[in-house]
Amino acid sequence: MSPFFTRFALRILFAVGLLAGAAAPASAALQCVPYARAQSGIDIRGNALTWWSQAAGRYNRGQAPRVGAVLAFRPTRAMPIGHVATVAAIIDDRHIYLNHANWSGPGRIETRALAVDVSENGDWSVVRVWFAPQGSLGLRTNPTFGFIYNEAPGTPSAVTPQTTIASADEGLVEEGAPARSIASRQAFAASIMAAIPSGGTN
């Protein structure tokens, strides 16, 4: 084999190695969209900021959380392409747990991350979300479009949505909990908030 061919082959291999190395972090980092799609079964693709408009006419949308629904975040300066997260459990009217990716770090998956409705009207249009590096709710308030439900418009469940309350010991989700149990869970949520510092940046 000639020296020229050997040098040429080495250059090609070196270039391929550099490209593969540069592509590895991007392919290894899990984005919020494919994770939300896998978690919820809602078959929407494209940037998170387009999910709300794409869901129109295909999936029911609303302002009330349901387990398995996707919370669609509006784009902001901090999140120019928006964000999507799946509701994992409901604590009370103002507190839920989210499963999502790429929030507290590139490609990082978080399960049962606390989210709090801080909107004036209690419609989940503005939320604060747990930021793992700080170990607390992020200071940033995040505007949202609302919730996308994995059901076609006009289905019966859209008329009578299921109410699900998370158990106080963070165990299994209970359905149809009696009023006394709901009150105890609301007290539990209040105790969580009292123990959470106000630090965080996200």
C-alpha atoms as a PDB file:
ATOM      1  CA  MET A   1       0.000   0.000   0.000  1.00  0.00           C
ATOM      2  CA  SER A   2       1.436   3.367  -1.012  1.00  0.00           C
ATOM      3  CA  PRO A   3       2.265   5.998   1.648  1.00  0.00           C
ATOM      4  CA  PHE A   4      -0.104   8.435  -0.093  1.00  0.00           C
ATOM      5  CA  PHE A   5      -3.037   6.016   0.139  1.00  0.00           C
ATOM      6  CA  THR A   6      -2.226   5.266   3.767  1.00  0.00           C
ATOM      7  CA  ARG A   7      -2.213   8.965   4.700  1.00  0.00           C
ATOM      8  CA  PHE A   8      -5.456   9.496   2.785  1.00  0.00           C
ATOM      9  CA  ALA A   9      -7.165   6.592   4.539  1.00  0.00           C
ATOM     10  CA  LEU A  10      -6.034   7.819   7.940  1.00  0.00           C
ATOM     11  CA  ARG A  11      -7.430  11.267   7.216  1.00  0.00           C
ATOM     12  CA  ILE A  12     -10.788   9.764   6.284  1.00  0.00           C
ATOM     13  CA  LEU A  13     -10.891   7.642   9.430  1.00  0.00           C
ATOM     14  CA  PHE A  14      -9.888  10.642  11.563  1.00  0.00           C
ATOM     15  CA  ALA A  15     -12.620  12.809  10.023  1.00  0.00           C
ATOM     16  CA  VAL A  16     -15.256  10.109  10.534  1.00  0.00           C
ATOM     17  CA  GLY A  17     -14.128   9.729  14.140  1.00  0.00           C
ATOM     18  CA  LEU A  18     -14.470  13.458  14.778  1.00  0.00           C
ATOM     19  CA  LEU A  19     -17.965  13.502  13.275  1.00  0.00           C
ATOM     20  CA  ALA A  20     -19.036  10.499  15.295  1.00  0.00           C
ATOM     21  CA  GLY A  21     -17.658  12.060  18.457  1.00  0.00           C
ATOM     22  CA  ALA A  22     -19.444  15.357  17.795  1.00  0.00           C
ATOM     23  CA  ALA A  23     -22.757  13.598  17.129  1.00  0.00           C
ATOM     24  CA  ALA A  24     -22.654  11.352  20.187  1.00  0.00           C
ATOM     25  CA  PRO A  25     -23.803  13.883  22.819  1.00  0.00           C
ATOM     26  CA  ALA A  26     -26.791  14.987  20.709  1.00  0.00           C
ATOM     27  CA  SER A  27     -27.945  11.426  20.101  1.00  0.00           C
ATOM     28  CA  ALA A  28     -27.410  10.473  23.733  1.00  0.00           C
ATOM     29  CA  ALA A  29     -29.429  13.401  25.134  1.00  0.00           C
ATOM     30  CA  LEU A  30     -33.138  12.559  25.348  1.00  0.00           C
ATOM     31  CA  GLN A  31     -35.344  15.504  24.413  1.00  0.00           C
ATOM     32  CA  CYS A  32     -38.691  16.266  26.031  1.00  0.00           C
ATOM     33  CA  VAL A  33     -40.773  15.542  22.913  1.00  0.00           C
ATOM     34  CA  PRO A  34     -39.959  11.850  22.297  1.00  0.00           C
ATOM     35  CA  TYR A  35     -40.137  11.174  26.028  1.00  0.00           C
ATOM     36  CA  ALA A  36     -43.583  12.793  26.365  1.00  0.00           C
ATOM     37  CA  ARG A  37     -44.789  10.937  23.296  1.00  0.00           C
ATOM     38  CA  ALA A  38     -43.628   7.607  24.717  1.00  0.00           C
ATOM     39  CA  GLN A  39     -45.090   8.330  28.161  1.00  0.00           C
ATOM     40  CA  SER A  40     -48.475   9.609  26.995  1.00  0.00           C
ATOM     41  CA  GLY A  41     -49.119   7.750  23.748  1.00  0.00           C
ATOM     42  CA  ILE A  42     -50.001  11.075  22.112  1.00  0.00           C
ATOM     43  CA  ASP A  43     -48.644  10.830  18.581  1.00  0.00           C
ATOM     44  CA  ILE A  44     -47.505  14.383  17.897  1.00  0.00           C
ATOM     45  CA  ARG A  45     -44.109  15.253  16.481  1.00  0.00           C
ATOM     46  CA  GLY A  46     -42.143  18.429  16.029  1.00  0.00           C
ATOM     47  CA  ASN A  47     -40.974  21.044  18.502  1.00  0.00           C
ATOM     48  CA  ALA A  48     -42.816  21.256  21.804  1.00  0.00           C
ATOM     49  CA  LEU A  49     -44.139  24.741  21.018  1.00  0.00           C
ATOM     50  CA  THR A  50     -46.218  23.258  18.159  1.00  0.00           C
ATOM     51  CA  TRP A  51     -47.905  20.509  20.173  1.00  0.00           C
ATOM     52  CA  TRP A  52     -50.851  22.606  21.341  1.00  0.00           C
ATOM     53  CA  SER A  53     -51.800  23.754  17.840  1.00  0.00           C
ATOM     54  CA  GLN A  54     -51.156  20.319  16.339  1.00  0.00           C
ATOM     55  CA  ALA A  55     -53.460  18.742  18.919  1.00  0.00           C
ATOM     56  CA  ALA A  56     -56.427  20.885  17.809  1.00  0.00           C
ATOM     57  CA  GLY A  57     -59.042  18.648  16.200  1.00  0.00           C
ATOM     58  CA  ARG A  58     -57.008  15.507  16.920  1.00  0.00           C
ATOM     59  CA  TYR A  59     -56.949  15.354  20.709  1.00  0.00           C
ATOM     60  CA  ASN A  60     -59.019  16.899  23.456  1.00  0.00           C
ATOM     61  CA  ARG A  61     -57.386  19.836  25.220  1.00  0.00           C
ATOM     62  CA  GLY A  62     -58.191  21.535  28.497  1.00  0.00           C
ATOM     63  CA  GLN A  63     -56.996  23.317  31.611  1.00  0.00           C
ATOM     64  CA  ALA A  64     -57.430  20.501  34.126  1.00  0.00           C
ATOM     65  CA  PRO A  65     -54.659  17.967  34.803  1.00  0.00           C
ATOM     66  CA  ARG A  66     -55.312  14.273  34.291  1.00  0.00           C
ATOM     67  CA  VAL A  67     -52.911  11.398  34.749  1.00  0.00           C
ATOM     68  CA  GLY A  68     -51.329  10.642  31.376  1.00  0.00           C
ATOM     69  CA  ALA A  69     -52.101  14.058  29.894  1.00  0.00           C
ATOM     70  CA  VAL A  70     -49.349  16.217  28.440  1.00  0.00           C
ATOM     71  CA  LEU A  71     -48.787  19.703  29.834  1.00  0.00           C
ATOM     72  CA  ALA A  72     -47.695  21.927  26.943  1.00  0.00           C
ATOM     73  CA  PHE A  73     -45.481  24.880  27.885  1.00  0.00           C
ATOM     74  CA  ARG A  74     -45.463  28.103  25.904  1.00  0.00           C
ATOM     75  CA  PRO A  75     -42.186  29.251  24.366  1.00  0.00           C
ATOM     76  CA  THR A  76     -40.264  31.850  26.347  1.00  0.00           C
ATOM     77  CA  ARG A  77     -36.836  33.456  26.173  1.00  0.00           C
ATOM     78  CA  ALA A  78     -35.544  30.695  28.452  1.00  0.00           C
ATOM     79  CA  MET A  79     -37.409  27.988  26.464  1.00  0.00           C
ATOM     80  CA  PRO A  80     -37.636  29.224  22.855  1.00  0.00           C
ATOM     81  CA  ILE A  81     -39.042  25.932  21.553  1.00  0.00           C
ATOM     82  CA  GLY A  82     -41.334  25.278  24.523  1.00  0.00           C
ATOM     83  CA  HIS A  83     -41.521  22.129  26.614  1.00  0.00           C
ATOM     84  CA  VAL A  84     -43.852  19.162  27.132  1.00  0.00           C
ATOM     85  CA  ALA A  85     -44.254  16.991  30.227  1.00  0.00           C
ATOM     86  CA  THR A  86     -46.572  14.130  31.169  1.00  0.00           C
ATOM     87  CA  VAL A  87     -48.755  14.184  34.282  1.00  0.00           C
ATOM     88  CA  ALA A  88     -47.675  11.298  36.520  1.00  0.00           C
ATOM     89  CA  ALA A  89     -49.976  11.879  39.505  1.00  0.00           C
ATOM     90  CA  ILE A  90     -52.271  14.519  40.974  1.00  0.00           C
ATOM     91  CA  ILE A  91     -51.886  15.703  44.555  1.00  0.00           C
ATOM     92  CA  ASP A  92     -54.619  18.343  44.620  1.00  0.00           C
ATOM     93  CA  ASP A  93     -56.008  21.204  42.523  1.00  0.00           C
ATOM     94  CA  ARG A  94     -52.708  23.078  42.567  1.00  0.00           C
ATOM     95  CA  HIS A  95     -50.042  20.366  42.826  1.00  0.00           C
ATOM     96  CA  ILE A  96     -49.136  17.557  40.456  1.00  0.00           C
ATOM     97  CA  TYR A  97     -46.183  15.316  39.671  1.00  0.00           C
ATOM     98  CA  LEU A  98     -44.648  15.367  36.192  1.00  0.00           C
ATOM     99  CA  ASN A  99     -42.531  12.902  34.248  1.00  0.00           C
ATOM    100  CA  HIS A 100     -40.349  14.750  31.758  1.00  0.00           C
ATOM    101  CA  ALA A 101     -36.950  14.996  30.129  1.00  0.00           C
ATOM    102  CA  ASN A 102     -34.416  17.720  29.424  1.00  0.00           C
ATOM    103  CA  TRP A 103     -35.558  20.099  32.174  1.00  0.00           C
ATOM    104  CA  SER A 104     -33.001  19.992  34.994  1.00  0.00           C
ATOM    105  CA  GLY A 105     -30.150  19.058  32.662  1.00  0.00           C
ATOM    106  CA  PRO A 106     -29.484  18.052  29.048  1.00  0.00           C
ATOM    107  CA  GLY A 107     -31.224  14.762  28.378  1.00  0.00           C
ATOM    108  CA  ARG A 108     -31.972  14.209  32.054  1.00  0.00           C
ATOM    109  CA  ILE A 109     -35.120  12.188  32.781  1.00  0.00           C
ATOM    110  CA  GLU A 110     -37.100  13.120  35.892  1.00  0.00           C
ATOM    111  CA  THR A 111     -40.060  11.214  37.304  1.00  0.00           C
ATOM    112  CA  ARG A 112     -42.560  12.547  39.839  1.00  0.00           C
ATOM    113  CA  ALA A 113     -41.152  16.063  39.638  1.00  0.00           C
ATOM    114  CA  LEU A 114     -43.347  18.481  41.572  1.00  0.00           C
ATOM    115  CA  ALA A 115     -45.206  21.153  39.583  1.00  0.00           C
ATOM    116  CA  VAL A 116     -47.299  23.888  41.188  1.00  0.00           C
ATOM    117  CA  ASP A 117     -50.060  25.958  39.613  1.00  0.00           C
ATOM    118  CA  VAL A 118     -49.278  29.596  40.450  1.00  0.00           C
ATOM    119  CA  SER A 119     -51.799  31.162  38.075  1.00  0.00           C
ATOM    120  CA  GLU A 120     -54.207  33.757  39.442  1.00  0.00           C
ATOM    121  CA  ASN A 121     -57.270  31.862  38.214  1.00  0.00           C
ATOM    122  CA  GLY A 122     -56.134  28.365  39.149  1.00  0.00           C
ATOM    123  CA  ASP A 123     -56.201  27.235  35.529  1.00  0.00           C
ATOM    124  CA  TRP A 124     -52.627  25.933  35.234  1.00  0.00           C
ATOM    125  CA  SER A 125     -51.703  28.703  32.803  1.00  0.00           C
ATOM    126  CA  VAL A 126     -48.583  29.501  34.863  1.00  0.00           C
ATOM    127  CA  VAL A 127     -46.535  26.922  36.775  1.00  0.00           C
ATOM    128  CA  ARG A 128     -43.363  26.494  38.774  1.00  0.00           C
ATOM    129  CA  VAL A 129     -41.510  23.208  38.380  1.00  0.00           C
ATOM    130  CA  TRP A 130     -39.038  21.323  40.553  1.00  0.00           C
ATOM    131  CA  PHE A 131     -35.428  22.045  39.539  1.00  0.00           C
ATOM    132  CA  ALA A 132     -33.267  19.107  40.612  1.00  0.00           C
ATOM    133  CA  PRO A 133     -29.837  20.829  40.749  1.00  0.00           C
ATOM    134  CA  GLN A 134     -31.208  23.250  43.351  1.00  0.00           C
ATOM    135  CA  GLY A 135     -33.283  20.666  45.201  1.00  0.00           C
ATOM    136  CA  SER A 136     -36.280  22.983  45.159  1.00  0.00           C
ATOM    137  CA  LEU A 137     -38.929  24.566  42.980  1.00  0.00           C
ATOM    138  CA  GLY A 138     -37.386  26.833  40.381  1.00  0.00           C
ATOM    139  CA  LEU A 139     -37.932  30.539  40.817  1.00  0.00           C
ATOM    140  CA  ARG A 140     -38.921  30.928  37.186  1.00  0.00           C
ATOM    141  CA  THR A 141     -42.630  30.993  36.389  1.00  0.00           C
ATOM    142  CA  ASN A 142     -43.520  29.184  33.185  1.00  0.00           C
ATOM    143  CA  PRO A 143     -46.559  29.993  31.035  1.00  0.00           C
ATOM    144  CA  THR A 144     -48.424  27.043  29.558  1.00  0.00           C
ATOM    145  CA  PHE A 145     -51.047  26.409  26.890  1.00  0.00           C
ATOM    146  CA  GLY A 146     -52.805  23.711  28.888  1.00  0.00           C
ATOM    147  CA  PHE A 147     -53.203  19.940  28.893  1.00  0.00           C
ATOM    148  CA  ILE A 148     -53.486  17.609  25.918  1.00  0.00           C
ATOM    149  CA  TYR A 149     -55.464  14.427  26.591  1.00  0.00           C
ATOM    150  CA  ASN A 150     -54.927  11.157  24.753  1.00  0.00           C
ATOM    151  CA  GLU A 151     -58.455  10.979  23.415  1.00  0.00           C
ATOM    152  CA  ALA A 152     -60.245  12.133  20.305  1.00  0.00           C
ATOM    153  CA  PRO A 153     -62.617  15.110  20.524  1.00  0.00           C
ATOM    154  CA  GLY A 154     -66.136  14.084  21.503  1.00  0.00           C
ATOM    155  CA  THR A 155     -65.211  10.960  23.439  1.00  0.00           C
ATOM    156  CA  PRO A 156     -67.216  10.281  26.639  1.00  0.00           C
ATOM    157  CA  SER A 157     -64.206  10.830  28.899  1.00  0.00           C
ATOM    158  CA  ALA A 158     -64.058  14.419  27.682  1.00  0.00           C
ATOM    159  CA  VAL A 159     -67.495  14.977  29.253  1.00  0.00           C
ATOM    160  CA  THR A 160     -66.789  13.167  32.509  1.00  0.00           C
ATOM    161  CA  PRO A 161     -63.052  13.469  33.180  1.00  0.00           C
ATOM    162  CA  GLN A 162     -61.483  11.070  35.658  1.00  0.00           C
ATOM    163  CA  THR A 163     -60.328  12.573  38.946  1.00  0.00           C
ATOM    164  CA  THR A 164     -57.195  11.009  40.375  1.00  0.00           C
ATOM    165  CA  ILE A 165     -55.564  11.877  43.677  1.00  0.00           C
ATOM    166  CA  ALA A 166     -52.011  10.885  44.578  1.00  0.00           C
ATOM    167  CA  SER A 167     -51.668   8.995  47.824  1.00  0.00           C
ATOM    168  CA  ALA A 168     -50.015  10.872  50.672  1.00  0.00           C
ATOM    169  CA  ASP A 169     -47.195   8.350  50.968  1.00  0.00           C
ATOM    170  CA  GLU A 170     -46.315   8.875  47.272  1.00  0.00           C
ATOM    171  CA  GLY A 171     -47.332   5.287  46.573  1.00  0.00           C
ATOM    172  CA  LEU A 172     -50.025   4.044  44.236  1.00  0.00           C
ATOM    173  CA  VAL A 173     -52.559   6.450  42.776  1.00  0.00           C
ATOM    174  CA  GLU A 174     -56.026   6.091  44.197  1.00  0.00           C
ATOM    175  CA  GLU A 175     -59.197   6.800  42.243  1.00  0.00           C
ATOM    176  CA  GLY A 176     -62.477   8.087  43.609  1.00  0.00           C
ATOM    177  CA  ALA A 177     -61.012   8.986  46.991  1.00  0.00           C
ATOM    178  CA  PRO A 178     -63.585  10.133  49.593  1.00  0.00           C
ATOM    179  CA  ALA A 179     -63.728  13.788  50.624  1.00  0.00           C
ATOM    180  CA  ARG A 180     -61.961  13.153  53.961  1.00  0.00           C
ATOM    181  CA  SER A 181     -59.065  11.441  52.138  1.00  0.00           C
ATOM    182  CA  ILE A 182     -58.798  14.335  49.689  1.00  0.00           C
ATOM    183  CA  ALA A 183     -58.547  16.801  52.565  1.00  0.00           C
ATOM    184  CA  SER A 184     -55.718  14.810  54.117  1.00  0.00           C
ATOM    185  CA  ARG A 185     -53.879  14.830  50.810  1.00  0.00           C
ATOM    186  CA  GLN A 186     -54.292  18.561  50.496  1.00  0.00           C
ATOM    187  CA  ALA A 187     -52.766  18.914  53.953  1.00  0.00           C
ATOM    188  CA  PHE A 188     -49.905  16.727  52.790  1.00  0.00           C
ATOM    189  CA  ALA A 189     -49.354  18.980  49.772  1.00  0.00           C
ATOM    190  CA  ALA A 190     -49.297  22.028  52.042  1.00  0.00           C
ATOM    191  CA  SER A 191     -46.650  20.373  54.194  1.00  0.00           C
ATOM    192  CA  ILE A 192     -44.552  19.748  51.073  1.00  0.00           C
ATOM    193  CA  MET A 193     -44.733  23.401  50.087  1.00  0.00           C
ATOM    194  CA  ALA A 194     -43.829  24.564  53.586  1.00  0.00           C
ATOM    195  CA  ALA A 195     -40.688  22.461  53.506  1.00  0.00           C
ATOM    196  CA  ILE A 196     -39.538  23.616  50.053  1.00  0.00           C
ATOM    197  CA  PRO A 197     -37.083  26.542  49.911  1.00  0.00           C
ATOM    198  CA  SER A 198     -37.752  29.253  47.365  1.00  0.00           C
ATOM    199  CA  GLY A 199     -34.398  28.899  45.608  1.00  0.00           C
ATOM    200  CA  GLY A 200     -33.749  27.604  42.123  1.00  0.00           C
ATOM    201  CA  THR A 201     -33.395  29.225  38.744  1.00  0.00           C
ATOM    202  CA  ASN A 202     -35.645  27.214  36.430  1.00  0.00           C
END
